[in-house]
């Protein structure tokens, strides 16, 4: 995996259900390294820290390879990297093989794969289409959040070097599908419960599906 683009967002005012709020999902490429801090990316905008940022969502990655699929669906948009609100657009990111818990050295930072992105209404606002949420879920390539184990800087061209492979085989895509499936695979639930790279709150919610 290699960084294609580093992206930051500024607070953007929006109106949702008659209420004024702000969002940081409108991110654009910047010609500078990013500093990955323990709970966020330096100089980035996080409007709602109840659902973004924090130890298990410090930085969001999205795959470069997924852009053509979405560009074909939304050809009228002004396309650039950062369209999905990702801080890092990454070449070679494959959720189908990326294990939750993998640890990588990238730039001067040490990071761990934690959880996939679950879309909310702000993605719909970015694309001016709330129907994108269902398509995004069904498509199955949501990108991933990372935990920052060692604060550091990253820049375009930096490669993710695997330092420690997760002993737990659960992939980002498997966990993503597990979250949204009506009939949940008990074996995958058990893998999630045993995976300490996932936030405890997520694991506790899945525990209730085990009989």
Protein backbone atom coordinates (compact mmCIF):
# COMPACT_ATOMS: atom_id res chain seq x y z
CA UNK A 1 0.00 0.00 0.00
CA UNK A 2 1.25 3.47 -0.91
CA UNK A 3 -0.11 6.96 -0.18
CA UNK A 4 -1.49 8.64 -3.31
CA UNK A 5 -2.85 11.78 -1.70
CA UNK A 6 -2.90 13.54 1.69
CA UNK A 7 -6.20 15.34 2.32
CA UNK A 8 -7.51 17.86 4.85
CA UNK A 9 -10.89 19.51 5.37
CA UNK A 10 -12.12 22.83 6.71
CA UNK A 11 -15.41 23.29 8.61
CA UNK A 12 -18.21 23.45 6.04
CA UNK A 13 -21.67 24.66 7.10
CA UNK A 14 -24.59 22.41 6.12
CA UNK A 15 -28.29 22.10 6.92
CA UNK A 16 -29.74 18.71 7.84
CA UNK A 17 -33.36 18.14 8.85
CA UNK A 18 -33.75 21.85 9.32
CA UNK A 19 -30.78 22.11 11.66
CA UNK A 20 -27.59 24.00 10.90
CA UNK A 21 -24.37 22.11 11.57
CA UNK A 22 -20.88 21.72 10.14
CA UNK A 23 -18.96 18.88 8.55
CA UNK A 24 -15.36 18.04 7.77
CA UNK A 25 -16.16 15.54 5.01
CA UNK A 26 -15.24 18.05 2.28
CA UNK A 27 -11.55 17.19 2.15
CA UNK A 28 -9.12 18.16 -0.59
CA UNK A 29 -5.50 17.27 -1.42
CA UNK A 30 -2.79 19.26 0.30
CA UNK A 31 0.82 19.58 -0.79
CA UNK A 32 2.26 18.82 2.61
CA UNK A 33 2.87 15.91 5.00
CA UNK A 34 0.17 15.06 7.52
CA UNK A 35 0.89 14.57 11.21
CA UNK A 36 -0.98 11.55 12.56
CA UNK A 37 -1.78 12.25 16.20
CA UNK A 38 -3.20 9.86 18.77
CA UNK A 39 -6.85 10.81 18.20
CA UNK A 40 -6.91 12.80 14.96
CA UNK A 41 -4.93 14.22 12.07
CA UNK A 42 -3.33 17.57 12.86
CA UNK A 43 -5.02 20.58 11.18
CA UNK A 44 -8.00 18.48 10.06
CA UNK A 45 -11.64 19.22 10.87
CA UNK A 46 -13.72 16.86 13.02
CA UNK A 47 -17.17 18.33 13.56
CA UNK A 48 -18.70 15.58 15.68
CA UNK A 49 -16.26 13.75 17.93
CA UNK A 50 -18.99 11.38 19.08
CA UNK A 51 -18.70 9.53 15.77
CA UNK A 52 -15.37 10.66 14.29
CA UNK A 53 -11.87 10.86 15.62
CA UNK A 54 -10.70 9.22 18.81
CA UNK A 55 -8.24 6.41 19.43
CA UNK A 56 -9.90 3.91 17.08
CA UNK A 57 -10.75 6.46 14.35
CA UNK A 58 -7.71 8.70 14.34
CA UNK A 59 -7.27 8.69 10.56
CA UNK A 60 -9.41 7.46 7.64
CA UNK A 61 -7.99 5.64 4.59
CA UNK A 62 -9.77 5.01 1.29
CA UNK A 63 -8.57 3.03 -1.73
CA UNK A 64 -7.50 4.78 -4.92
CA UNK A 65 -8.72 1.74 -6.86
CA UNK A 66 -12.34 2.40 -5.84
CA UNK A 67 -12.52 5.83 -7.46
CA UNK A 68 -13.36 4.68 -11.03
CA UNK A 69 -16.42 2.78 -9.76
CA UNK A 70 -17.83 5.89 -8.10
CA UNK A 71 -16.76 8.30 -10.84
CA UNK A 72 -18.86 6.28 -13.28
CA UNK A 73 -21.88 6.53 -10.99
CA UNK A 74 -21.47 10.26 -10.33
CA UNK A 75 -19.86 11.70 -13.49
CA UNK A 76 -21.33 15.16 -12.89
CA UNK A 77 -19.27 15.76 -9.74
CA UNK A 78 -15.99 17.67 -9.67
CA UNK A 79 -13.70 14.75 -8.82
CA UNK A 80 -10.51 14.94 -6.80
CA UNK A 81 -8.86 12.87 -4.08
CA UNK A 82 -10.52 13.15 -0.68
CA UNK A 83 -14.05 12.78 -2.05
CA UNK A 84 -14.99 10.23 0.61
CA UNK A 85 -13.67 12.30 3.47
CA UNK A 86 -10.48 10.28 3.68
CA UNK A 87 -7.30 11.77 5.08
CA UNK A 88 -5.20 9.36 3.05
CA UNK A 89 -6.03 8.08 -0.42
CA UNK A 90 -4.11 4.82 -0.62
CA UNK A 91 -3.07 2.73 -3.62
CA UNK A 92 -3.30 -1.01 -3.02
CA UNK A 93 -5.72 -0.94 -0.10
CA UNK A 94 -7.90 -4.06 -0.41
CA UNK A 95 -10.50 -4.53 2.31
CA UNK A 96 -11.03 -8.14 1.22
CA UNK A 97 -7.52 -9.08 2.42
CA UNK A 98 -6.72 -6.32 4.92
CA UNK A 99 -6.83 -7.82 8.41
CA UNK A 100 -8.17 -5.87 11.35
CA UNK A 101 -5.28 -5.59 13.78
CA UNK A 102 -2.47 -5.42 11.23
CA UNK A 103 0.27 -3.00 12.30
CA UNK A 104 2.15 -0.93 9.73
CA UNK A 105 5.03 1.52 9.66
CA UNK A 106 4.20 4.42 7.34
CA UNK A 107 6.38 7.50 7.20
CA UNK A 108 7.49 8.06 10.78
CA UNK A 109 4.19 6.82 12.22
CA UNK A 110 3.18 3.38 13.47
CA UNK A 111 -0.48 2.55 12.85
CA UNK A 112 -2.95 -0.29 13.33
CA UNK A 113 -5.99 -1.18 11.20
CA UNK A 114 -9.10 -0.88 13.37
CA UNK A 115 -12.53 -0.68 11.74
CA UNK A 116 -14.26 0.10 8.44
CA UNK A 117 -16.08 3.34 7.82
CA UNK A 118 -19.86 3.17 8.33
CA UNK A 119 -21.48 5.81 6.12
CA UNK A 120 -23.76 8.50 7.51
CA UNK A 121 -25.86 11.30 6.03
CA UNK A 122 -22.79 13.49 5.57
CA UNK A 123 -21.51 11.21 2.81
CA UNK A 124 -24.88 11.75 1.13
CA UNK A 125 -24.44 15.50 1.48
CA UNK A 126 -20.95 15.29 -0.05
CA UNK A 127 -22.39 13.47 -3.07
CA UNK A 128 -25.71 15.36 -3.02
CA UNK A 129 -27.48 12.00 -2.92
CA UNK A 130 -28.59 10.18 0.23
CA UNK A 131 -29.16 7.02 -1.84
CA UNK A 132 -25.38 6.62 -1.93
CA UNK A 133 -25.49 5.22 1.61
CA UNK A 134 -27.14 1.95 0.55
CA UNK A 135 -24.90 1.64 -2.49
CA UNK A 136 -21.83 2.29 -0.36
CA UNK A 137 -22.87 -0.45 2.07
CA UNK A 138 -23.72 -2.94 -0.68
CA UNK A 139 -20.51 -2.29 -2.60
CA UNK A 140 -18.44 -3.56 0.31
CA UNK A 141 -15.29 -1.43 0.00
CA UNK A 142 -15.63 1.16 2.78
CA UNK A 143 -12.00 2.02 3.47
CA UNK A 144 -10.66 1.72 6.99
CA UNK A 145 -9.83 3.73 10.07
CA UNK A 146 -6.48 3.34 11.77
CA UNK A 147 -5.22 3.69 15.30
CA UNK A 148 -2.00 5.67 15.75
CA UNK A 149 0.38 3.68 17.94
CA UNK A 150 3.26 6.08 17.36
CA UNK A 151 2.67 9.70 16.39
CA UNK A 152 4.45 10.66 13.18
CA UNK A 153 4.30 12.28 9.77
CA UNK A 154 3.22 10.75 6.47
CA UNK A 155 3.38 12.10 2.92
CA UNK A 156 2.58 11.19 -0.67
CA UNK A 157 4.64 8.21 -1.79
CA UNK A 158 5.08 6.69 1.67
CA UNK A 159 4.54 2.94 1.75
CA UNK A 160 2.77 0.94 4.44
CA UNK A 161 5.31 -1.61 5.65
CA UNK A 162 3.77 -4.52 7.55
CA UNK A 163 5.36 -4.71 11.00
CA UNK A 164 3.00 -7.18 12.64
CA UNK A 165 0.32 -9.27 10.97
CA UNK A 166 -2.81 -9.80 13.02
CA UNK A 167 -3.14 -13.37 14.33
CA UNK A 168 -6.89 -12.90 13.96
CA UNK A 169 -8.02 -13.65 10.37
CA UNK A 170 -11.00 -11.26 10.35
CA UNK A 171 -10.69 -8.87 7.40
CA UNK A 172 -12.02 -5.33 7.16
CA UNK A 173 -14.54 -6.39 4.53
CA UNK A 174 -15.75 -9.40 6.52
CA UNK A 175 -16.35 -7.23 9.56
CA UNK A 176 -18.09 -4.58 7.45
CA UNK A 177 -20.45 -7.17 5.99
CA UNK A 178 -21.02 -8.62 9.45
CA UNK A 179 -22.14 -5.24 10.77
CA UNK A 180 -24.84 -4.85 8.12
CA UNK A 181 -25.94 -8.46 7.57
CA UNK A 182 -29.30 -9.50 9.01
CA UNK A 183 -28.15 -13.07 9.56
CA UNK A 184 -24.82 -12.82 11.33
CA UNK A 185 -22.20 -15.55 11.13
CA UNK A 186 -21.50 -16.71 14.71
CA UNK A 187 -17.93 -17.70 13.81
CA UNK A 188 -17.20 -14.21 12.53
CA UNK A 189 -18.85 -12.69 15.58
CA UNK A 190 -16.52 -14.75 17.74
CA UNK A 191 -13.52 -13.54 15.74
CA UNK A 192 -14.66 -9.96 16.25
CA UNK A 193 -15.11 -10.49 19.99
CA UNK A 194 -11.55 -11.80 20.22
CA UNK A 195 -10.03 -8.99 18.15
CA UNK A 196 -8.68 -6.33 20.50
CA UNK A 197 -8.00 -3.94 17.63
CA UNK A 198 -11.76 -3.33 17.52
CA UNK A 199 -13.24 -0.91 20.06
CA UNK A 200 -14.89 -2.64 22.99
CA UNK A 201 -18.20 -0.91 22.32
CA UNK A 202 -18.39 -2.49 18.86
CA UNK A 203 -17.66 -5.94 20.26
CA UNK A 204 -20.24 -5.57 23.03
CA UNK A 205 -22.95 -4.77 20.47
CA UNK A 206 -22.14 -7.93 18.52
CA UNK A 207 -22.08 -10.13 21.59
CA UNK A 208 -25.86 -9.98 21.91
CA UNK A 209 -26.25 -11.82 18.60
CA UNK A 210 -24.65 -14.95 20.05
CA UNK A 211 -27.16 -17.37 21.53
